[in-house]
N, C-alpha and C. Protein backbone atom coordinates (compact mmCIF):
# COMPACT_ATOMS: atom_id res chain seq x y z
N MET A 1 0.85 -1.18 0.00
CA MET A 1 0.00 0.00 0.00
C MET A 1 0.89 1.24 0.00
N ARG A 2 0.48 2.23 -0.73
CA ARG A 2 1.26 3.45 -0.82
C ARG A 2 1.25 4.21 0.50
N LYS A 3 2.15 5.17 0.63
CA LYS A 3 2.36 5.88 1.90
C LYS A 3 1.12 6.57 2.44
N TYR A 4 0.51 7.42 1.62
CA TYR A 4 -0.62 8.21 2.13
C TYR A 4 -1.81 7.34 2.50
N PRO A 5 -2.24 6.42 1.61
CA PRO A 5 -3.37 5.58 2.00
C PRO A 5 -3.07 4.74 3.24
N ALA A 6 -1.87 4.18 3.31
CA ALA A 6 -1.51 3.35 4.46
C ALA A 6 -1.57 4.16 5.76
N THR A 7 -1.11 5.40 5.70
CA THR A 7 -1.13 6.26 6.87
C THR A 7 -2.56 6.56 7.30
N LEU A 8 -3.41 6.91 6.36
CA LEU A 8 -4.80 7.21 6.70
C LEU A 8 -5.52 6.00 7.27
N VAL A 9 -5.28 4.83 6.71
CA VAL A 9 -5.91 3.61 7.22
C VAL A 9 -5.45 3.36 8.65
N ARG A 10 -4.17 3.54 8.93
CA ARG A 10 -3.67 3.32 10.29
C ARG A 10 -4.29 4.32 11.27
N VAL A 11 -4.39 5.58 10.88
CA VAL A 11 -5.04 6.59 11.74
C VAL A 11 -6.48 6.17 12.00
N PHE A 12 -7.19 5.78 10.96
CA PHE A 12 -8.59 5.38 11.10
C PHE A 12 -8.71 4.17 12.02
N GLU A 13 -7.84 3.18 11.86
CA GLU A 13 -7.86 2.00 12.73
C GLU A 13 -7.65 2.38 14.19
N HIS A 14 -6.71 3.29 14.44
CA HIS A 14 -6.46 3.74 15.81
C HIS A 14 -7.70 4.40 16.40
N LYS A 15 -8.38 5.18 15.59
CA LYS A 15 -9.58 5.86 16.07
C LYS A 15 -10.68 4.84 16.41
N LEU A 16 -10.83 3.83 15.57
CA LEU A 16 -11.83 2.79 15.85
C LEU A 16 -11.46 2.02 17.11
N GLU A 17 -10.19 1.68 17.26
CA GLU A 17 -9.73 0.96 18.45
C GLU A 17 -9.96 1.77 19.72
N ALA A 18 -9.90 3.11 19.59
CA ALA A 18 -10.09 3.99 20.74
C ALA A 18 -11.57 4.24 21.02
N GLY A 19 -12.45 3.64 20.21
CA GLY A 19 -13.88 3.75 20.47
C GLY A 19 -14.61 4.84 19.71
N ALA A 20 -14.05 5.29 18.60
CA ALA A 20 -14.72 6.33 17.81
C ALA A 20 -16.10 5.84 17.37
N ASP A 21 -17.05 6.75 17.37
CA ASP A 21 -18.42 6.47 16.95
C ASP A 21 -18.48 6.56 15.44
N THR A 22 -18.72 5.45 14.76
CA THR A 22 -18.74 5.44 13.30
C THR A 22 -20.04 6.01 12.73
N ASP A 23 -20.91 6.53 13.59
CA ASP A 23 -22.09 7.26 13.11
C ASP A 23 -21.79 8.76 13.02
N GLU A 24 -20.61 9.15 13.42
CA GLU A 24 -20.21 10.56 13.46
C GLU A 24 -18.95 10.77 12.63
N ASP A 25 -18.67 12.03 12.30
CA ASP A 25 -17.38 12.36 11.71
C ASP A 25 -16.31 12.07 12.76
N ILE A 26 -15.13 11.65 12.32
CA ILE A 26 -14.06 11.28 13.24
C ILE A 26 -12.89 12.25 13.09
N PRO A 27 -12.55 12.97 14.17
CA PRO A 27 -11.44 13.92 14.10
C PRO A 27 -10.08 13.23 14.24
N PHE A 28 -9.08 13.84 13.61
CA PHE A 28 -7.69 13.42 13.78
C PHE A 28 -6.81 14.63 13.55
N ASP A 29 -5.56 14.52 14.02
CA ASP A 29 -4.67 15.66 13.91
C ASP A 29 -3.26 15.22 13.53
N LYS A 30 -2.36 16.17 13.55
CA LYS A 30 -0.97 15.94 13.15
C LYS A 30 -0.34 14.83 13.98
N ALA A 31 -0.60 14.81 15.28
CA ALA A 31 -0.02 13.78 16.14
C ALA A 31 -0.49 12.38 15.73
N ASP A 32 -1.76 12.26 15.34
CA ASP A 32 -2.27 10.97 14.87
C ASP A 32 -1.55 10.53 13.60
N LEU A 33 -1.35 11.47 12.68
CA LEU A 33 -0.65 11.16 11.43
C LEU A 33 0.80 10.77 11.70
N GLN A 34 1.46 11.51 12.60
CA GLN A 34 2.86 11.22 12.92
C GLN A 34 3.00 9.85 13.56
N ARG A 35 2.09 9.52 14.47
CA ARG A 35 2.12 8.21 15.12
C ARG A 35 2.00 7.10 14.07
N ALA A 36 1.08 7.28 13.12
CA ALA A 36 0.88 6.26 12.08
C ALA A 36 2.11 6.11 11.20
N THR A 37 2.70 7.21 10.77
CA THR A 37 3.89 7.09 9.91
C THR A 37 5.05 6.48 10.68
N ASP A 38 5.17 6.80 11.96
CA ASP A 38 6.23 6.19 12.78
C ASP A 38 6.03 4.69 12.90
N GLU A 39 4.81 4.26 13.17
CA GLU A 39 4.52 2.83 13.31
C GLU A 39 4.76 2.07 12.01
N LEU A 40 4.42 2.71 10.90
CA LEU A 40 4.57 2.06 9.59
C LEU A 40 5.97 2.23 9.02
N ASP A 41 6.81 2.98 9.73
CA ASP A 41 8.16 3.30 9.27
C ASP A 41 8.13 3.92 7.87
N ILE A 42 7.25 4.92 7.74
CA ILE A 42 7.08 5.64 6.49
C ILE A 42 7.68 7.03 6.66
N ASP A 43 8.45 7.45 5.66
CA ASP A 43 9.05 8.78 5.69
C ASP A 43 8.20 9.73 4.85
N VAL A 44 7.56 10.67 5.52
CA VAL A 44 6.76 11.70 4.85
C VAL A 44 7.30 13.03 5.34
N ARG A 45 7.67 13.88 4.41
CA ARG A 45 8.29 15.16 4.77
C ARG A 45 7.39 15.98 5.68
N GLN A 46 6.16 16.19 5.28
CA GLN A 46 5.19 16.95 6.07
C GLN A 46 3.91 16.12 6.17
N VAL A 47 3.62 15.56 7.34
CA VAL A 47 2.46 14.68 7.47
C VAL A 47 1.14 15.38 7.16
N LEU A 48 1.09 16.69 7.30
CA LEU A 48 -0.15 17.41 7.00
C LEU A 48 -0.42 17.50 5.50
N GLU A 49 0.53 17.08 4.68
CA GLU A 49 0.28 16.98 3.25
C GLU A 49 -0.74 15.87 2.96
N ILE A 50 -0.80 14.89 3.85
CA ILE A 50 -1.66 13.73 3.61
C ILE A 50 -3.14 14.11 3.58
N PRO A 51 -3.70 14.72 4.64
CA PRO A 51 -5.12 15.08 4.54
C PRO A 51 -5.38 16.11 3.44
N SER A 52 -4.44 17.01 3.22
CA SER A 52 -4.61 18.01 2.17
C SER A 52 -4.72 17.35 0.80
N ALA A 53 -3.99 16.28 0.59
CA ALA A 53 -4.03 15.58 -0.69
C ALA A 53 -5.36 14.89 -0.93
N TYR A 54 -6.08 14.59 0.13
CA TYR A 54 -7.35 13.88 0.01
C TYR A 54 -8.57 14.79 0.08
N SER A 55 -8.41 16.01 0.51
CA SER A 55 -9.55 16.91 0.64
C SER A 55 -10.19 17.16 -0.72
N SER A 56 -11.20 16.37 -1.02
CA SER A 56 -12.02 16.50 -2.24
C SER A 56 -11.30 16.17 -3.55
N THR A 57 -10.09 15.65 -3.50
CA THR A 57 -9.39 15.37 -4.75
C THR A 57 -9.11 13.89 -4.98
N ARG A 58 -8.99 13.12 -3.94
CA ARG A 58 -8.70 11.69 -4.06
C ARG A 58 -9.75 10.91 -3.28
N ALA A 59 -10.02 9.72 -3.76
CA ALA A 59 -10.93 8.83 -3.03
C ALA A 59 -10.19 8.25 -1.83
N LEU A 60 -10.89 8.15 -0.72
CA LEU A 60 -10.30 7.53 0.47
C LEU A 60 -10.09 6.04 0.22
N PRO A 61 -9.17 5.42 0.95
CA PRO A 61 -8.96 3.98 0.82
C PRO A 61 -10.23 3.20 1.17
N ASP A 62 -10.40 2.06 0.53
CA ASP A 62 -11.57 1.21 0.74
C ASP A 62 -11.77 0.84 2.21
N ASP A 63 -10.68 0.66 2.95
CA ASP A 63 -10.78 0.30 4.37
C ASP A 63 -11.48 1.38 5.18
N ILE A 64 -11.56 2.58 4.65
CA ILE A 64 -12.25 3.69 5.32
C ILE A 64 -13.65 3.88 4.72
N THR A 65 -13.74 3.84 3.39
CA THR A 65 -15.04 4.07 2.75
C THR A 65 -16.05 2.98 3.07
N GLU A 66 -15.58 1.78 3.39
CA GLU A 66 -16.54 0.70 3.73
C GLU A 66 -17.30 1.01 5.01
N HIS A 67 -16.84 2.00 5.76
CA HIS A 67 -17.54 2.44 6.98
C HIS A 67 -18.43 3.66 6.70
N GLY A 68 -18.51 4.06 5.43
CA GLY A 68 -19.38 5.17 5.06
C GLY A 68 -18.71 6.53 4.99
N TYR A 69 -17.40 6.58 5.17
CA TYR A 69 -16.69 7.85 5.11
C TYR A 69 -16.29 8.13 3.66
N VAL A 70 -16.48 9.40 3.25
CA VAL A 70 -16.29 9.74 1.85
C VAL A 70 -15.25 10.83 1.59
N ASP A 71 -14.83 11.54 2.63
CA ASP A 71 -13.94 12.67 2.41
C ASP A 71 -13.20 13.02 3.70
N ILE A 72 -12.23 13.90 3.54
CA ILE A 72 -11.51 14.50 4.66
C ILE A 72 -11.70 16.01 4.54
N GLU A 73 -12.05 16.65 5.65
CA GLU A 73 -12.23 18.10 5.67
C GLU A 73 -11.54 18.67 6.90
N PRO A 74 -11.10 19.92 6.80
CA PRO A 74 -10.57 20.59 8.00
C PRO A 74 -11.68 20.71 9.03
N ASP A 75 -11.33 20.54 10.29
CA ASP A 75 -12.29 20.70 11.38
C ASP A 75 -12.28 22.16 11.79
N GLU A 76 -13.25 22.90 11.33
CA GLU A 76 -13.29 24.34 11.59
C GLU A 76 -13.82 24.68 12.98
N SER A 77 -14.24 23.67 13.73
CA SER A 77 -14.74 23.93 15.08
C SER A 77 -13.62 23.96 16.11
N THR A 78 -12.40 23.69 15.68
CA THR A 78 -11.26 23.70 16.60
C THR A 78 -10.17 24.62 16.07
N GLU A 79 -9.30 25.02 16.96
CA GLU A 79 -8.13 25.77 16.54
C GLU A 79 -7.03 24.76 16.23
N GLY A 80 -6.15 25.13 15.35
CA GLY A 80 -5.06 24.23 15.01
C GLY A 80 -5.39 23.41 13.79
N GLU A 81 -4.56 22.43 13.54
CA GLU A 81 -4.65 21.65 12.32
C GLU A 81 -5.30 20.30 12.61
N THR A 82 -6.61 20.32 12.72
CA THR A 82 -7.40 19.11 12.96
C THR A 82 -8.27 18.87 11.74
N TYR A 83 -8.42 17.60 11.39
CA TYR A 83 -9.21 17.21 10.24
C TYR A 83 -10.27 16.22 10.67
N LEU A 84 -11.21 15.97 9.77
CA LEU A 84 -12.30 15.02 10.04
C LEU A 84 -12.41 14.03 8.91
N PHE A 85 -12.58 12.75 9.27
CA PHE A 85 -13.08 11.77 8.32
C PHE A 85 -14.58 12.06 8.26
N VAL A 86 -15.11 12.37 7.09
CA VAL A 86 -16.49 12.84 6.96
C VAL A 86 -17.37 11.77 6.32
N LYS A 87 -18.55 11.59 6.92
CA LYS A 87 -19.54 10.66 6.38
C LYS A 87 -20.29 11.34 5.24
N ASP A 88 -20.93 10.52 4.43
CA ASP A 88 -21.73 11.02 3.29
C ASP A 88 -22.88 11.86 3.75
């Protein structure tokens, strides 16, 4: 699996393991992305490039879309660089 999809899948898996409600949008941030790239031993220059690359331009990996998530959007309800896995 390529770097960006693998990273997003790992972040999503961590959120599910932590008890995220799959009926809601799921937030994640830079620390979540960094943890995933570290665990996967993936070198990404700027981890925040990953959600930016998927915001309305790329389809999410199947491991995420099978749960009904269709996009990544910035979480405007928080300060800082937080994103959401967004449901249809």
